[in-house]
Each structure stands twice: as structure tokens, then as C-alpha cells.
Amino acid sequence: TYMAGKWHLGATPQSSPLGRGFTHSFAFTGGGISHFGDQLPLN
């Protein structure tokens, strides 16, 4: 099970994609953020 992208369902290790069943994942935990590498927040 693989996942990449927006999760938005929890930000702890236990509630992250890894904690909810994904073998490998690269996830953004929130609602929105810069699409570039600067990680400037939505708010």
C-alpha cells in the first residue's frame, strides 16, 4: 500500500498514513501549503 499527497486526516505518527495502513507514504498532513519547496503555510 502506497500513498503520496494530501492526507488531512491526522498529524501524529499513529494517525499518519503509516499509522493507518500504508506501507510507504509521503504525505502532507494539512489542508494547504506552498506547492514549491519553501513550505510557506496556507495560514
ModelCIF file with pLDDT and N, C-alpha, C, O atoms, coordinates in Angstrom:
data_MODEL
#
_entry.id   MODEL 
#
_entity.id                         1 
_entity.type                       polymer 
_entity.pdbx_number_of_molecules   1 
#
_entity_poly.entity_id                      1 
_entity_poly.type                           'polypeptide(L)' 
_entity_poly.nstd_linkage                   no 
_entity_poly.nstd_monomer                   no 
_entity_poly.pdbx_seq_one_letter_code       TYMAGKWHLGATPQSSPLGRGFTHSFAFTGGGISHFGDQLPLN 
_entity_poly.pdbx_seq_one_letter_code_can   TYMAGKWHLGATPQSSPLGRGFTHSFAFTGGGISHFGDQLPLN 
_entity_poly.pdbx_strand_id                 A 
#
loop_
_entity_poly_seq.entity_id 
_entity_poly_seq.num 
_entity_poly_seq.mon_id 
_entity_poly_seq.hetero 
1 1  THR n 
1 2  TYR n 
1 3  MET n 
1 4  ALA n 
1 5  GLY n 
1 6  LYS n 
1 7  TRP n 
1 8  HIS n 
1 9  LEU n 
1 10 GLY n 
1 11 ALA n 
1 12 THR n 
1 13 PRO n 
1 14 GLN n 
1 15 SER n 
1 16 SER n 
1 17 PRO n 
1 18 LEU n 
1 19 GLY n 
1 20 ARG n 
1 21 GLY n 
1 22 PHE n 
1 23 THR n 
1 24 HIS n 
1 25 SER n 
1 26 PHE n 
1 27 ALA n 
1 28 PHE n 
1 29 THR n 
1 30 GLY n 
1 31 GLY n 
1 32 GLY n 
1 33 ILE n 
1 34 SER n 
1 35 HIS n 
1 36 PHE n 
1 37 GLY n 
1 38 ASP n 
1 39 GLN n 
1 40 LEU n 
1 41 PRO n 
1 42 LEU n 
1 43 ASN n 
#
_struct_asym.id          A 
_struct_asym.entity_id   1 
#
loop_
_ma_qa_metric.id 
_ma_qa_metric.mode 
_ma_qa_metric.name 
_ma_qa_metric.software_group_id 
_ma_qa_metric.type 
1 global pLDDT . pLDDT 
2 local  pLDDT . pLDDT 
#
_ma_qa_metric_global.metric_id      1 
_ma_qa_metric_global.metric_value   95.23 
_ma_qa_metric_global.model_id       1 
_ma_qa_metric_global.ordinal_id     1 
#
loop_
_ma_qa_metric_local.label_asym_id 
_ma_qa_metric_local.label_comp_id 
_ma_qa_metric_local.label_seq_id 
_ma_qa_metric_local.metric_id 
_ma_qa_metric_local.metric_value 
_ma_qa_metric_local.model_id 
_ma_qa_metric_local.ordinal_id 
A THR 1  2 98.00 1 1  
A TYR 2  2 98.00 1 2  
A MET 3  2 98.00 1 3  
A ALA 4  2 98.00 1 4  
A GLY 5  2 98.00 1 5  
A LYS 6  2 98.00 1 6  
A TRP 7  2 97.00 1 7  
A HIS 8  2 96.00 1 8  
A LEU 9  2 96.00 1 9  
A GLY 10 2 94.00 1 10 
A ALA 11 2 91.00 1 11 
A THR 12 2 90.00 1 12 
A PRO 13 2 90.00 1 13 
A GLN 14 2 93.00 1 14 
A SER 15 2 95.00 1 15 
A SER 16 2 96.00 1 16 
A PRO 17 2 97.00 1 17 
A LEU 18 2 96.00 1 18 
A GLY 19 2 96.00 1 19 
A ARG 20 2 97.00 1 20 
A GLY 21 2 98.00 1 21 
A PHE 22 2 98.00 1 22 
A THR 23 2 97.00 1 23 
A HIS 24 2 97.00 1 24 
A SER 25 2 98.00 1 25 
A PHE 26 2 98.00 1 26 
A ALA 27 2 97.00 1 27 
A PHE 28 2 97.00 1 28 
A THR 29 2 95.00 1 29 
A GLY 30 2 93.00 1 30 
A GLY 31 2 93.00 1 31 
A GLY 32 2 94.00 1 32 
A ILE 33 2 95.00 1 33 
A SER 34 2 97.00 1 34 
A HIS 35 2 98.00 1 35 
A PHE 36 2 98.00 1 36 
A GLY 37 2 96.00 1 37 
A ASP 38 2 94.00 1 38 
A GLN 39 2 93.00 1 39 
A LEU 40 2 91.00 1 40 
A PRO 41 2 89.00 1 41 
A LEU 42 2 90.00 1 42 
A ASN 43 2 87.00 1 43 
#
loop_
_atom_site.group_PDB 
_atom_site.id 
_atom_site.type_symbol 
_atom_site.label_atom_id 
_atom_site.label_alt_id 
_atom_site.label_comp_id 
_atom_site.label_asym_id 
_atom_site.label_entity_id 
_atom_site.label_seq_id 
_atom_site.pdbx_PDB_ins_code 
_atom_site.Cartn_x 
_atom_site.Cartn_y 
_atom_site.Cartn_z 
_atom_site.occupancy 
_atom_site.B_iso_or_equiv 
_atom_site.pdbx_formal_charge 
_atom_site.auth_seq_id 
_atom_site.auth_comp_id 
_atom_site.auth_asym_id 
_atom_site.auth_atom_id 
_atom_site.pdbx_PDB_model_num 
ATOM 1   N N  . THR A 1 1  ? 0.844  -1.199 0.000  1.00 98.00 ? 1  THR A N  1 
ATOM 2   C CA . THR A 1 1  ? 0.000  0.000  0.000  1.00 98.00 ? 1  THR A CA 1 
ATOM 3   C C  . THR A 1 1  ? 0.874  1.241  0.000  1.00 98.00 ? 1  THR A C  1 
ATOM 4   O O  . THR A 1 1  ? 1.736  1.407  0.863  1.00 98.00 ? 1  THR A O  1 
ATOM 5   N N  . TYR A 1 2  ? 0.642  2.122  -0.986 1.00 98.00 ? 2  TYR A N  1 
ATOM 6   C CA . TYR A 1 2  ? 1.471  3.301  -1.175 1.00 98.00 ? 2  TYR A CA 1 
ATOM 7   C C  . TYR A 1 2  ? 0.604  4.547  -1.233 1.00 98.00 ? 2  TYR A C  1 
ATOM 8   O O  . TYR A 1 2  ? -0.534 4.508  -1.703 1.00 98.00 ? 2  TYR A O  1 
ATOM 9   N N  . MET A 1 3  ? 1.154  5.647  -0.752 1.00 98.00 ? 3  MET A N  1 
ATOM 10  C CA . MET A 1 3  ? 0.396  6.892  -0.762 1.00 98.00 ? 3  MET A CA 1 
ATOM 11  C C  . MET A 1 3  ? 1.352  8.064  -0.930 1.00 98.00 ? 3  MET A C  1 
ATOM 12  O O  . MET A 1 3  ? 2.432  8.081  -0.341 1.00 98.00 ? 3  MET A O  1 
ATOM 13  N N  . ALA A 1 4  ? 0.950  9.050  -1.741 1.00 98.00 ? 4  ALA A N  1 
ATOM 14  C CA . ALA A 1 4  ? 1.676  10.316 -1.830 1.00 98.00 ? 4  ALA A CA 1 
ATOM 15  C C  . ALA A 1 4  ? 0.662  11.419 -2.014 1.00 98.00 ? 4  ALA A C  1 
ATOM 16  O O  . ALA A 1 4  ? -0.300 11.274 -2.769 1.00 98.00 ? 4  ALA A O  1 
ATOM 17  N N  . GLY A 1 5  ? 0.880  12.541 -1.311 1.00 98.00 ? 5  GLY A N  1 
ATOM 18  C CA . GLY A 1 5  ? -0.003 13.697 -1.456 1.00 98.00 ? 5  GLY A CA 1 
ATOM 19  C C  . GLY A 1 5  ? -0.635 14.128 -0.160 1.00 98.00 ? 5  GLY A C  1 
ATOM 20  O O  . GLY A 1 5  ? -0.050 14.002 0.915  1.00 98.00 ? 5  GLY A O  1 
ATOM 21  N N  . LYS A 1 6  ? -1.837 14.638 -0.282 1.00 98.00 ? 6  LYS A N  1 
ATOM 22  C CA . LYS A 1 6  ? -2.537 15.253 0.847  1.00 98.00 ? 6  LYS A CA 1 
ATOM 23  C C  . LYS A 1 6  ? -3.287 14.202 1.665  1.00 98.00 ? 6  LYS A C  1 
ATOM 24  O O  . LYS A 1 6  ? -4.096 13.447 1.124  1.00 98.00 ? 6  LYS A O  1 
ATOM 25  N N  . TRP A 1 7  ? -3.019 14.158 2.956  1.00 97.00 ? 7  TRP A N  1 
ATOM 26  C CA . TRP A 1 7  ? -3.652 13.217 3.872  1.00 97.00 ? 7  TRP A CA 1 
ATOM 27  C C  . TRP A 1 7  ? -4.816 13.880 4.595  1.00 97.00 ? 7  TRP A C  1 
ATOM 28  O O  . TRP A 1 7  ? -5.968 13.492 4.401  1.00 97.00 ? 7  TRP A O  1 
ATOM 29  N N  . HIS A 1 8  ? -4.524 14.882 5.430  1.00 96.00 ? 8  HIS A N  1 
ATOM 30  C CA . HIS A 1 8  ? -5.540 15.722 6.075  1.00 96.00 ? 8  HIS A CA 1 
ATOM 31  C C  . HIS A 1 8  ? -6.425 14.956 7.062  1.00 96.00 ? 8  HIS A C  1 
ATOM 32  O O  . HIS A 1 8  ? -7.554 15.363 7.337  1.00 96.00 ? 8  HIS A O  1 
ATOM 33  N N  . LEU A 1 9  ? -5.902 13.842 7.592  1.00 96.00 ? 9  LEU A N  1 
ATOM 34  C CA . LEU A 1 9  ? -6.706 13.015 8.498  1.00 96.00 ? 9  LEU A CA 1 
ATOM 35  C C  . LEU A 1 9  ? -5.982 12.714 9.799  1.00 96.00 ? 9  LEU A C  1 
ATOM 36  O O  . LEU A 1 9  ? -6.391 11.826 10.547 1.00 96.00 ? 9  LEU A O  1 
ATOM 37  N N  . GLY A 1 10 ? -4.916 13.444 10.074 1.00 94.00 ? 10 GLY A N  1 
ATOM 38  C CA . GLY A 1 10 ? -4.170 13.244 11.307 1.00 94.00 ? 10 GLY A CA 1 
ATOM 39  C C  . GLY A 1 10 ? -2.705 13.550 11.103 1.00 94.00 ? 10 GLY A C  1 
ATOM 40  O O  . GLY A 1 10 ? -2.160 13.304 10.027 1.00 94.00 ? 10 GLY A O  1 
ATOM 41  N N  . ALA A 1 11 ? -2.052 14.092 12.141 1.00 91.00 ? 11 ALA A N  1 
ATOM 42  C CA . ALA A 1 11 ? -0.677 14.571 12.002 1.00 91.00 ? 11 ALA A CA 1 
ATOM 43  C C  . ALA A 1 11 ? 0.294  13.915 12.968 1.00 91.00 ? 11 ALA A C  1 
ATOM 44  O O  . ALA A 1 11 ? 1.452  14.327 13.042 1.00 91.00 ? 11 ALA A O  1 
ATOM 45  N N  . THR A 1 12 ? -0.144 12.906 13.710 1.00 90.00 ? 12 THR A N  1 
ATOM 46  C CA . THR A 1 12 ? 0.769  12.172 14.583 1.00 90.00 ? 12 THR A CA 1 
ATOM 47  C C  . THR A 1 12 ? 1.227  10.912 13.854 1.00 90.00 ? 12 THR A C  1 
ATOM 48  O O  . THR A 1 12 ? 0.605  10.512 12.870 1.00 90.00 ? 12 THR A O  1 
ATOM 49  N N  . PRO A 1 13 ? 2.309  10.277 14.321 1.00 90.00 ? 13 PRO A N  1 
ATOM 50  C CA . PRO A 1 13 ? 2.712  9.014  13.685 1.00 90.00 ? 13 PRO A CA 1 
ATOM 51  C C  . PRO A 1 13 ? 1.586  7.983  13.656 1.00 90.00 ? 13 PRO A C  1 
ATOM 52  O O  . PRO A 1 13 ? 1.447  7.236  12.688 1.00 90.00 ? 13 PRO A O  1 
ATOM 53  N N  . GLN A 1 14 ? 0.781  7.945  14.725 1.00 93.00 ? 14 GLN A N  1 
ATOM 54  C CA . GLN A 1 14 ? -0.297 6.962  14.802 1.00 93.00 ? 14 GLN A CA 1 
ATOM 55  C C  . GLN A 1 14 ? -1.444 7.275  13.842 1.00 93.00 ? 14 GLN A C  1 
ATOM 56  O O  . GLN A 1 14 ? -2.102 6.363  13.341 1.00 93.00 ? 14 GLN A O  1 
ATOM 57  N N  . SER A 1 15 ? -1.682 8.555  13.587 1.00 95.00 ? 15 SER A N  1 
ATOM 58  C CA . SER A 1 15 ? -2.790 8.938  12.710 1.00 95.00 ? 15 SER A CA 1 
ATOM 59  C C  . SER A 1 15 ? -2.333 9.286  11.299 1.00 95.00 ? 15 SER A C  1 
ATOM 60  O O  . SER A 1 15 ? -3.146 9.684  10.464 1.00 95.00 ? 15 SER A O  1 
ATOM 61  N N  . SER A 1 16 ? -1.039 9.138  11.026 1.00 96.00 ? 16 SER A N  1 
ATOM 62  C CA . SER A 1 16 ? -0.481 9.414  9.702  1.00 96.00 ? 16 SER A CA 1 
ATOM 63  C C  . SER A 1 16 ? -0.800 8.259  8.760  1.00 96.00 ? 16 SER A C  1 
ATOM 64  O O  . SER A 1 16 ? -1.332 7.242  9.204  1.00 96.00 ? 16 SER A O  1 
ATOM 65  N N  . PRO A 1 17 ? -0.490 8.388  7.477  1.00 97.00 ? 17 PRO A N  1 
ATOM 66  C CA . PRO A 1 17 ? -0.686 7.265  6.562  1.00 97.00 ? 17 PRO A CA 1 
ATOM 67  C C  . PRO A 1 17 ? 0.018  5.987  7.017  1.00 97.00 ? 17 PRO A C  1 
ATOM 68  O O  . PRO A 1 17 ? -0.530 4.893  6.879  1.00 97.00 ? 17 PRO A O  1 
ATOM 69  N N  . LEU A 1 18 ? 1.238  6.124  7.563  1.00 96.00 ? 18 LEU A N  1 
ATOM 70  C CA . LEU A 1 18 ? 1.941  4.943  8.068  1.00 96.00 ? 18 LEU A CA 1 
ATOM 71  C C  . LEU A 1 18 ? 1.142  4.282  9.183  1.00 96.00 ? 18 LEU A C  1 
ATOM 72  O O  . LEU A 1 18 ? 1.015  3.058  9.219  1.00 96.00 ? 18 LEU A O  1 
ATOM 73  N N  . GLY A 1 19 ? 0.608  5.080  10.083 1.00 96.00 ? 19 GLY A N  1 
ATOM 74  C CA . GLY A 1 19 ? -0.165 4.542  11.195 1.00 96.00 ? 19 GLY A CA 1 
ATOM 75  C C  . GLY A 1 19 ? -1.510 3.987  10.791 1.00 96.00 ? 19 GLY A C  1 
ATOM 76  O O  . GLY A 1 19 ? -2.124 3.228  11.540 1.00 96.00 ? 19 GLY A O  1 
ATOM 77  N N  . ARG A 1 20 ? -1.986 4.370  9.583  1.00 97.00 ? 20 ARG A N  1 
ATOM 78  C CA . ARG A 1 20 ? -3.297 3.908  9.130  1.00 97.00 ? 20 ARG A CA 1 
ATOM 79  C C  . ARG A 1 20 ? -3.195 2.996  7.909  1.00 97.00 ? 20 ARG A C  1 
ATOM 80  O O  . ARG A 1 20 ? -4.111 2.945  7.089  1.00 97.00 ? 20 ARG A O  1 
ATOM 81  N N  . GLY A 1 21 ? -2.067 2.270  7.791  1.00 98.00 ? 21 GLY A N  1 
ATOM 82  C CA . GLY A 1 21 ? -2.061 1.147  6.868  1.00 98.00 ? 21 GLY A CA 1 
ATOM 83  C C  . GLY A 1 21 ? -1.211 1.252  5.615  1.00 98.00 ? 21 GLY A C  1 
ATOM 84  O O  . GLY A 1 21 ? -1.183 0.306  4.828  1.00 98.00 ? 21 GLY A O  1 
ATOM 85  N N  . PHE A 1 22 ? -0.524 2.351  5.399  1.00 98.00 ? 22 PHE A N  1 
ATOM 86  C CA . PHE A 1 22 ? 0.265  2.469  4.170  1.00 98.00 ? 22 PHE A CA 1 
ATOM 87  C C  . PHE A 1 22 ? 1.694  1.975  4.390  1.00 98.00 ? 22 PHE A C  1 
ATOM 88  O O  . PHE A 1 22 ? 2.370  2.393  5.329  1.00 98.00 ? 22 PHE A O  1 
ATOM 89  N N  . THR A 1 23 ? 2.141  1.083  3.512  1.00 97.00 ? 23 THR A N  1 
ATOM 90  C CA . THR A 1 23 ? 3.485  0.524  3.596  1.00 97.00 ? 23 THR A CA 1 
ATOM 91  C C  . THR A 1 23 ? 4.532  1.625  3.446  1.00 97.00 ? 23 THR A C  1 
ATOM 92  O O  . THR A 1 23 ? 5.491  1.701  4.214  1.00 97.00 ? 23 THR A O  1 
ATOM 93  N N  . HIS A 1 24 ? 4.326  2.475  2.439  1.00 97.00 ? 24 HIS A N  1 
ATOM 94  C CA . HIS A 1 24 ? 5.197  3.628  2.222  1.00 97.00 ? 24 HIS A CA 1 
ATOM 95  C C  . HIS A 1 24 ? 4.326  4.831  1.897  1.00 97.00 ? 24 HIS A C  1 
ATOM 96  O O  . HIS A 1 24 ? 3.301  4.704  1.227  1.00 97.00 ? 24 HIS A O  1 
ATOM 97  N N  . SER A 1 25 ? 4.742  6.000  2.377  1.00 98.00 ? 25 SER A N  1 
ATOM 98  C CA . SER A 1 25 ? 3.939  7.208  2.128  1.00 98.00 ? 25 SER A CA 1 
ATOM 99  C C  . SER A 1 25 ? 4.805  8.445  2.213  1.00 98.00 ? 25 SER A C  1 
ATOM 100 O O  . SER A 1 25 ? 5.761  8.513  2.986  1.00 98.00 ? 25 SER A O  1 
ATOM 101 N N  . PHE A 1 26 ? 4.447  9.416  1.402  1.00 98.00 ? 26 PHE A N  1 
ATOM 102 C CA . PHE A 1 26 ? 4.976  10.775 1.518  1.00 98.00 ? 26 PHE A CA 1 
ATOM 103 C C  . PHE A 1 26 ? 3.758  11.678 1.502  1.00 98.00 ? 26 PHE A C  1 
ATOM 104 O O  . PHE A 1 26 ? 3.085  11.801 0.479  1.00 98.00 ? 26 PHE A O  1 
ATOM 105 N N  . ALA A 1 27 ? 3.472  12.313 2.638  1.00 97.00 ? 27 ALA A N  1 
ATOM 106 C CA . ALA A 1 27 ? 2.168  12.959 2.787  1.00 97.00 ? 27 ALA A CA 1 
ATOM 107 C C  . ALA A 1 27 ? 2.276  14.337 3.403  1.00 97.00 ? 27 ALA A C  1 
ATOM 108 O O  . ALA A 1 27 ? 3.117  14.594 4.265  1.00 97.00 ? 27 ALA A O  1 
ATOM 109 N N  . PHE A 1 28 ? 1.394  15.228 2.935  1.00 97.00 ? 28 PHE A N  1 
ATOM 110 C CA . PHE A 1 28 ? 1.167  16.495 3.614  1.00 97.00 ? 28 PHE A CA 1 
ATOM 111 C C  . PHE A 1 28 ? -0.018 16.306 4.540  1.00 97.00 ? 28 PHE A C  1 
ATOM 112 O O  . PHE A 1 28 ? -1.071 15.830 4.116  1.00 97.00 ? 28 PHE A O  1 
ATOM 113 N N  . THR A 1 29 ? 0.145  16.677 5.801  1.00 95.00 ? 29 THR A N  1 
ATOM 114 C CA . THR A 1 29 ? -0.867 16.342 6.804  1.00 95.00 ? 29 THR A CA 1 
ATOM 115 C C  . THR A 1 29 ? -2.035 17.314 6.850  1.00 95.00 ? 29 THR A C  1 
ATOM 116 O O  . THR A 1 29 ? -3.071 16.995 7.433  1.00 95.00 ? 29 THR A O  1 
ATOM 117 N N  . GLY A 1 30 ? -1.894 18.506 6.242  1.00 93.00 ? 30 GLY A N  1 
ATOM 118 C CA . GLY A 1 30 ? -2.902 19.536 6.432  1.00 93.00 ? 30 GLY A CA 1 
ATOM 119 C C  . GLY A 1 30 ? -3.747 19.841 5.229  1.00 93.00 ? 30 GLY A C  1 
ATOM 120 O O  . GLY A 1 30 ? -3.907 19.017 4.328  1.00 93.00 ? 30 GLY A O  1 
ATOM 121 N N  . GLY A 1 31 ? -4.301 21.075 5.227  1.00 93.00 ? 31 GLY A N  1 
ATOM 122 C CA . GLY A 1 31 ? -5.233 21.470 4.190  1.00 93.00 ? 31 GLY A CA 1 
ATOM 123 C C  . GLY A 1 31 ? -4.581 22.085 2.975  1.00 93.00 ? 31 GLY A C  1 
ATOM 124 O O  . GLY A 1 31 ? -5.017 21.842 1.850  1.00 93.00 ? 31 GLY A O  1 
ATOM 125 N N  . GLY A 1 32 ? -3.529 22.889 3.182  1.00 94.00 ? 32 GLY A N  1 
ATOM 126 C CA . GLY A 1 32 ? -2.889 23.545 2.055  1.00 94.00 ? 32 GLY A CA 1 
ATOM 127 C C  . GLY A 1 32 ? -1.536 24.107 2.443  1.00 94.00 ? 32 GLY A C  1 
ATOM 128 O O  . GLY A 1 32 ? -1.294 24.425 3.607  1.00 94.00 ? 32 GLY A O  1 
ATOM 129 N N  . ILE A 1 33 ? -0.656 24.227 1.459  1.00 95.00 ? 33 ILE A N  1 
ATOM 130 C CA . ILE A 1 33 ? 0.706  24.704 1.676  1.00 95.00 ? 33 ILE A CA 1 
ATOM 131 C C  . ILE A 1 33 ? 1.269  25.096 0.317  1.00 95.00 ? 33 ILE A C  1 
ATOM 132 O O  . ILE A 1 33 ? 0.703  24.732 -0.714 1.00 95.00 ? 33 ILE A O  1 
ATOM 133 N N  . SER A 1 34 ? 2.356  25.819 0.300  1.00 97.00 ? 34 SER A N  1 
ATOM 134 C CA . SER A 1 34 ? 3.029  26.139 -0.952 1.00 97.00 ? 34 SER A CA 1 
ATOM 135 C C  . SER A 1 34 ? 3.276  24.862 -1.752 1.00 97.00 ? 34 SER A C  1 
ATOM 136 O O  . SER A 1 34 ? 3.612  23.823 -1.184 1.00 97.00 ? 34 SER A O  1 
ATOM 137 N N  . HIS A 1 35 ? 3.111  24.944 -3.062 1.00 98.00 ? 35 HIS A N  1 
ATOM 138 C CA . HIS A 1 35 ? 3.382  23.787 -3.914 1.00 98.00 ? 35 HIS A CA 1 
ATOM 139 C C  . HIS A 1 35 ? 4.865  23.655 -4.224 1.00 98.00 ? 35 HIS A C  1 
ATOM 140 O O  . HIS A 1 35 ? 5.288  22.667 -4.824 1.00 98.00 ? 35 HIS A O  1 
ATOM 141 N N  . PHE A 1 36 ? 5.657  24.641 -3.821 1.00 98.00 ? 36 PHE A N  1 
ATOM 142 C CA . PHE A 1 36 ? 7.105  24.590 -4.006 1.00 98.00 ? 36 PHE A CA 1 
ATOM 143 C C  . PHE A 1 36 ? 7.780  24.185 -2.705 1.00 98.00 ? 36 PHE A C  1 
ATOM 144 O O  . PHE A 1 36 ? 7.116  23.970 -1.690 1.00 98.00 ? 36 PHE A O  1 
ATOM 145 N N  . GLY A 1 37 ? 9.096  24.082 -2.740 1.00 96.00 ? 37 GLY A N  1 
ATOM 146 C CA . GLY A 1 37 ? 9.833  23.544 -1.611 1.00 96.00 ? 37 GLY A CA 1 
ATOM 147 C C  . GLY A 1 37 ? 9.995  24.455 -0.425 1.00 96.00 ? 37 GLY A C  1 
ATOM 148 O O  . GLY A 1 37 ? 10.534 24.036 0.599  1.00 96.00 ? 37 GLY A O  1 
ATOM 149 N N  . ASP A 1 38 ? 9.536  25.716 -0.530 1.00 94.00 ? 38 ASP A N  1 
ATOM 150 C CA . ASP A 1 38 ? 9.711  26.648 0.585  1.00 94.00 ? 38 ASP A CA 1 
ATOM 151 C C  . ASP A 1 38 ? 8.789  26.342 1.761  1.00 94.00 ? 38 ASP A C  1 
ATOM 152 O O  . ASP A 1 38 ? 9.021  26.840 2.863  1.00 94.00 ? 38 ASP A O  1 
ATOM 153 N N  . GLN A 1 39 ? 7.748  25.536 1.554  1.00 93.00 ? 39 GLN A N  1 
ATOM 154 C CA . GLN A 1 39 ? 6.806  25.120 2.590  1.00 93.00 ? 39 GLN A CA 1 
ATOM 155 C C  . GLN A 1 39 ? 6.127  26.301 3.291  1.00 93.00 ? 39 GLN A C  1 
ATOM 156 O O  . GLN A 1 39 ? 5.781  26.200 4.468  1.00 93.00 ? 39 GLN A O  1 
ATOM 157 N N  . LEU A 1 40 ? 5.933  27.410 2.585  1.00 91.00 ? 40 LEU A N  1 
ATOM 158 C CA . LEU A 1 40 ? 5.214  28.528 3.174  1.00 91.00 ? 40 LEU A CA 1 
ATOM 159 C C  . LEU A 1 40 ? 3.769  28.103 3.438  1.00 91.00 ? 40 LEU A C  1 
ATOM 160 O O  . LEU A 1 40 ? 3.145  27.474 2.583  1.00 91.00 ? 40 LEU A O  1 
ATOM 161 N N  . PRO A 1 41 ? 3.236  28.441 4.605  1.00 89.00 ? 41 PRO A N  1 
ATOM 162 C CA . PRO A 1 41 ? 1.930  27.896 5.013  1.00 89.00 ? 41 PRO A CA 1 
ATOM 163 C C  . PRO A 1 41 ? 0.751  28.571 4.328  1.00 89.00 ? 41 PRO A C  1 
ATOM 164 O O  . PRO A 1 41 ? 0.850  29.693 3.831  1.00 89.00 ? 41 PRO A O  1 
ATOM 165 N N  . LEU A 1 42 ? -0.361 27.858 4.316  1.00 90.00 ? 42 LEU A N  1 
ATOM 166 C CA . LEU A 1 42 ? -1.611 28.421 3.829  1.00 90.00 ? 42 LEU A CA 1 
ATOM 167 C C  . LEU A 1 42 ? -2.075 29.534 4.757  1.00 90.00 ? 42 LEU A C  1 
ATOM 168 O O  . LEU A 1 42 ? -2.631 30.536 4.306  1.00 90.00 ? 42 LEU A O  1 
ATOM 169 N N  . ASN A 1 43 ? -1.848 29.357 6.035  1.00 87.00 ? 43 ASN A N  1 
ATOM 170 C CA . ASN A 1 43 ? -2.133 30.385 7.032  1.00 87.00 ? 43 ASN A CA 1 
ATOM 171 C C  . ASN A 1 43 ? -1.347 30.079 8.298  1.00 87.00 ? 43 ASN A C  1 
ATOM 172 O O  . ASN A 1 43 ? -1.438 30.821 9.276  1.00 87.00 ? 43 ASN A O  1 
#
